[in-house]
């Protein structure tokens, strides 16, 4: 199976602040798996810090929306986040399932949908 995006639809009771404790692990895994890990550890710590700062205030974080092979996006107006690749790939499936397992282990109720960009998923 291949996909261009994997969408983590958060349960109605989940708040962004619930992602605070697991976010560093999710972002680090995302960057490692997509081979986008910054050369400088300070940059990684900055990404984690800024995203967790928003999460602590129960706000939507930035994610990782820089030019690269894949992005992690927290869209406005919905309780979800997604990973998106430039091309259809089995890597999206593998990474999506890894992140889903992390969320489940952390007790974050969610569902995982593939290629749901542009669909009304709320």
C-alpha atoms as a PDB file:
ATOM      1  CA  UNK A   1       0.000   0.000   0.000  1.00  0.00           C
ATOM      2  CA  UNK A   2       1.140   3.545  -0.762  1.00  0.00           C
ATOM      3  CA  UNK A   3      -0.184   6.950   0.312  1.00  0.00           C
ATOM      4  CA  UNK A   4       0.779  10.601   0.096  1.00  0.00           C
ATOM      5  CA  UNK A   5      -0.615  11.539   3.514  1.00  0.00           C
ATOM      6  CA  UNK A   6      -1.506   9.993   6.866  1.00  0.00           C
ATOM      7  CA  UNK A   7      -4.012  11.851   9.057  1.00  0.00           C
ATOM      8  CA  UNK A   8      -4.174  11.441  12.818  1.00  0.00           C
ATOM      9  CA  UNK A   9      -7.747  12.352  13.707  1.00  0.00           C
ATOM     10  CA  UNK A  10      -7.775  13.127  17.417  1.00  0.00           C
ATOM     11  CA  UNK A  11     -10.729  12.051  19.553  1.00  0.00           C
ATOM     12  CA  UNK A  12     -13.143  14.839  20.513  1.00  0.00           C
ATOM     13  CA  UNK A  13     -11.969  14.636  24.143  1.00  0.00           C
ATOM     14  CA  UNK A  14      -8.282  14.983  23.239  1.00  0.00           C
ATOM     15  CA  UNK A  15      -6.783  18.443  23.599  1.00  0.00           C
ATOM     16  CA  UNK A  16      -3.542  19.666  22.057  1.00  0.00           C
ATOM     17  CA  UNK A  17      -1.955  19.838  25.512  1.00  0.00           C
ATOM     18  CA  UNK A  18      -2.396  16.049  25.757  1.00  0.00           C
ATOM     19  CA  UNK A  19       0.359  15.731  23.121  1.00  0.00           C
ATOM     20  CA  UNK A  20       2.887  17.620  25.268  1.00  0.00           C
ATOM     21  CA  UNK A  21       4.634  14.595  26.831  1.00  0.00           C
ATOM     22  CA  UNK A  22       4.824  12.522  23.622  1.00  0.00           C
ATOM     23  CA  UNK A  23       5.612  15.306  21.141  1.00  0.00           C
ATOM     24  CA  UNK A  24       9.425  15.191  21.385  1.00  0.00           C
ATOM     25  CA  UNK A  25       9.406  11.462  20.612  1.00  0.00           C
ATOM     26  CA  UNK A  26       6.999  11.922  17.685  1.00  0.00           C
ATOM     27  CA  UNK A  27       8.985  14.782  16.139  1.00  0.00           C
ATOM     28  CA  UNK A  28      12.342  13.057  16.623  1.00  0.00           C
ATOM     29  CA  UNK A  29      11.037   9.840  15.055  1.00  0.00           C
ATOM     30  CA  UNK A  30       9.511  11.819  12.182  1.00  0.00           C
ATOM     31  CA  UNK A  31      12.793  13.623  11.478  1.00  0.00           C
ATOM     32  CA  UNK A  32      14.905  10.464  11.760  1.00  0.00           C
ATOM     33  CA  UNK A  33      12.623   8.360   9.554  1.00  0.00           C
ATOM     34  CA  UNK A  34      12.413  11.055   6.860  1.00  0.00           C
ATOM     35  CA  UNK A  35      16.159  11.762   7.039  1.00  0.00           C
ATOM     36  CA  UNK A  36      15.499  15.421   7.901  1.00  0.00           C
ATOM     37  CA  UNK A  37      17.254  15.467  11.269  1.00  0.00           C
ATOM     38  CA  UNK A  38      19.043  18.811  11.715  1.00  0.00           C
ATOM     39  CA  UNK A  39      22.849  18.628  11.864  1.00  0.00           C
ATOM     40  CA  UNK A  40      22.847  20.862  14.930  1.00  0.00           C
ATOM     41  CA  UNK A  41      21.213  19.485  18.114  1.00  0.00           C
ATOM     42  CA  UNK A  42      20.308  23.032  19.140  1.00  0.00           C
ATOM     43  CA  UNK A  43      18.009  23.316  16.119  1.00  0.00           C
ATOM     44  CA  UNK A  44      16.222  20.084  17.051  1.00  0.00           C
ATOM     45  CA  UNK A  45      15.818  21.310  20.636  1.00  0.00           C
ATOM     46  CA  UNK A  46      14.427  24.614  19.322  1.00  0.00           C
ATOM     47  CA  UNK A  47      11.819  22.783  17.177  1.00  0.00           C
ATOM     48  CA  UNK A  48      10.787  20.677  20.156  1.00  0.00           C
ATOM     49  CA  UNK A  49      10.738  23.656  22.529  1.00  0.00           C
ATOM     50  CA  UNK A  50       8.602  25.889  20.283  1.00  0.00           C
ATOM     51  CA  UNK A  51       6.079  23.159  19.536  1.00  0.00           C
ATOM     52  CA  UNK A  52       5.833  22.065  23.171  1.00  0.00           C
ATOM     53  CA  UNK A  53       5.465  25.689  24.275  1.00  0.00           C
ATOM     54  CA  UNK A  54       2.301  25.942  22.155  1.00  0.00           C
ATOM     55  CA  UNK A  55       1.059  22.537  23.333  1.00  0.00           C
ATOM     56  CA  UNK A  56       1.534  23.502  26.983  1.00  0.00           C
ATOM     57  CA  UNK A  57      -0.849  26.427  26.367  1.00  0.00           C
ATOM     58  CA  UNK A  58      -3.245  24.006  24.609  1.00  0.00           C
ATOM     59  CA  UNK A  59      -2.582  25.715  21.278  1.00  0.00           C
ATOM     60  CA  UNK A  60      -2.023  24.194  17.863  1.00  0.00           C
ATOM     61  CA  UNK A  61       1.725  23.644  17.366  1.00  0.00           C
ATOM     62  CA  UNK A  62       3.658  24.416  14.195  1.00  0.00           C
ATOM     63  CA  UNK A  63       4.713  20.826  13.511  1.00  0.00           C
ATOM     64  CA  UNK A  64       7.435  20.541  10.882  1.00  0.00           C
ATOM     65  CA  UNK A  65       6.346  22.403   7.774  1.00  0.00           C
ATOM     66  CA  UNK A  66       9.677  23.041   6.077  1.00  0.00           C
ATOM     67  CA  UNK A  67      10.655  22.156   2.559  1.00  0.00           C
ATOM     68  CA  UNK A  68      11.731  18.531   2.490  1.00  0.00           C
ATOM     69  CA  UNK A  69      10.701  14.995   1.634  1.00  0.00           C
ATOM     70  CA  UNK A  70       7.857  15.018   4.146  1.00  0.00           C
ATOM     71  CA  UNK A  71       6.012  17.472   6.370  1.00  0.00           C
ATOM     72  CA  UNK A  72       4.109  17.220   9.645  1.00  0.00           C
ATOM     73  CA  UNK A  73       1.214  19.667   9.561  1.00  0.00           C
ATOM     74  CA  UNK A  74      -1.276  20.766  12.218  1.00  0.00           C
ATOM     75  CA  UNK A  75      -3.987  22.422  10.087  1.00  0.00           C
ATOM     76  CA  UNK A  76      -6.075  25.291  11.393  1.00  0.00           C
ATOM     77  CA  UNK A  77      -9.645  24.609  12.388  1.00  0.00           C
ATOM     78  CA  UNK A  78      -9.470  20.871  12.945  1.00  0.00           C
ATOM     79  CA  UNK A  79      -8.403  18.497  15.671  1.00  0.00           C
ATOM     80  CA  UNK A  80      -5.886  16.513  13.674  1.00  0.00           C
ATOM     81  CA  UNK A  81      -2.379  16.508  12.358  1.00  0.00           C
ATOM     82  CA  UNK A  82      -0.972  14.784   9.339  1.00  0.00           C
ATOM     83  CA  UNK A  83       2.219  13.751   7.644  1.00  0.00           C
ATOM     84  CA  UNK A  84       2.484  14.452   3.936  1.00  0.00           C
ATOM     85  CA  UNK A  85       5.042  13.338   1.385  1.00  0.00           C
ATOM     86  CA  UNK A  86       5.779  14.907  -1.986  1.00  0.00           C
ATOM     87  CA  UNK A  87       4.954  11.616  -3.734  1.00  0.00           C
ATOM     88  CA  UNK A  88       2.892   8.531  -3.040  1.00  0.00           C
ATOM     89  CA  UNK A  89       5.069   6.264  -0.916  1.00  0.00           C
ATOM     90  CA  UNK A  90       5.031   3.237   1.357  1.00  0.00           C
ATOM     91  CA  UNK A  91       7.197   5.306   3.748  1.00  0.00           C
ATOM     92  CA  UNK A  92       4.107   7.351   4.650  1.00  0.00           C
ATOM     93  CA  UNK A  93       2.342   4.151   5.709  1.00  0.00           C
ATOM     94  CA  UNK A  94       5.287   2.886   7.784  1.00  0.00           C
ATOM     95  CA  UNK A  95       5.830   6.224   9.525  1.00  0.00           C
ATOM     96  CA  UNK A  96       2.097   6.781  10.015  1.00  0.00           C
ATOM     97  CA  UNK A  97       1.738   3.434  11.740  1.00  0.00           C
ATOM     98  CA  UNK A  98       4.772   4.144  13.976  1.00  0.00           C
ATOM     99  CA  UNK A  99       3.338   7.485  15.079  1.00  0.00           C
ATOM    100  CA  UNK A 100      -0.083   5.907  15.620  1.00  0.00           C
ATOM    101  CA  UNK A 101       1.475   3.289  17.914  1.00  0.00           C
ATOM    102  CA  UNK A 102       3.225   6.049  19.889  1.00  0.00           C
ATOM    103  CA  UNK A 103      -0.062   7.918  20.306  1.00  0.00           C
ATOM    104  CA  UNK A 104      -1.864   4.744  21.394  1.00  0.00           C
ATOM    105  CA  UNK A 105       0.878   3.889  23.901  1.00  0.00           C
ATOM    106  CA  UNK A 106       0.576   7.429  25.319  1.00  0.00           C
ATOM    107  CA  UNK A 107      -3.197   7.017  25.699  1.00  0.00           C
ATOM    108  CA  UNK A 108      -4.067   9.531  22.964  1.00  0.00           C
ATOM    109  CA  UNK A 109      -7.284   8.333  21.335  1.00  0.00           C
ATOM    110  CA  UNK A 110      -7.230   8.845  17.579  1.00  0.00           C
ATOM    111  CA  UNK A 111      -7.919   7.267  14.230  1.00  0.00           C
ATOM    112  CA  UNK A 112      -5.559   7.100  11.268  1.00  0.00           C
ATOM    113  CA  UNK A 113      -6.797   7.876   7.756  1.00  0.00           C
ATOM    114  CA  UNK A 114      -4.848   7.792   4.509  1.00  0.00           C
ATOM    115  CA  UNK A 115      -4.970  10.416   1.733  1.00  0.00           C
ATOM    116  CA  UNK A 116      -7.668  12.513   3.406  1.00  0.00           C
ATOM    117  CA  UNK A 117      -6.411  15.908   2.167  1.00  0.00           C
ATOM    118  CA  UNK A 118      -9.267  18.043   0.955  1.00  0.00           C
ATOM    119  CA  UNK A 119     -11.907  15.810   2.517  1.00  0.00           C
ATOM    120  CA  UNK A 120     -14.200  17.011   5.279  1.00  0.00           C
ATOM    121  CA  UNK A 121     -12.720  14.840   8.000  1.00  0.00           C
ATOM    122  CA  UNK A 122     -14.226  16.562  11.056  1.00  0.00           C
END
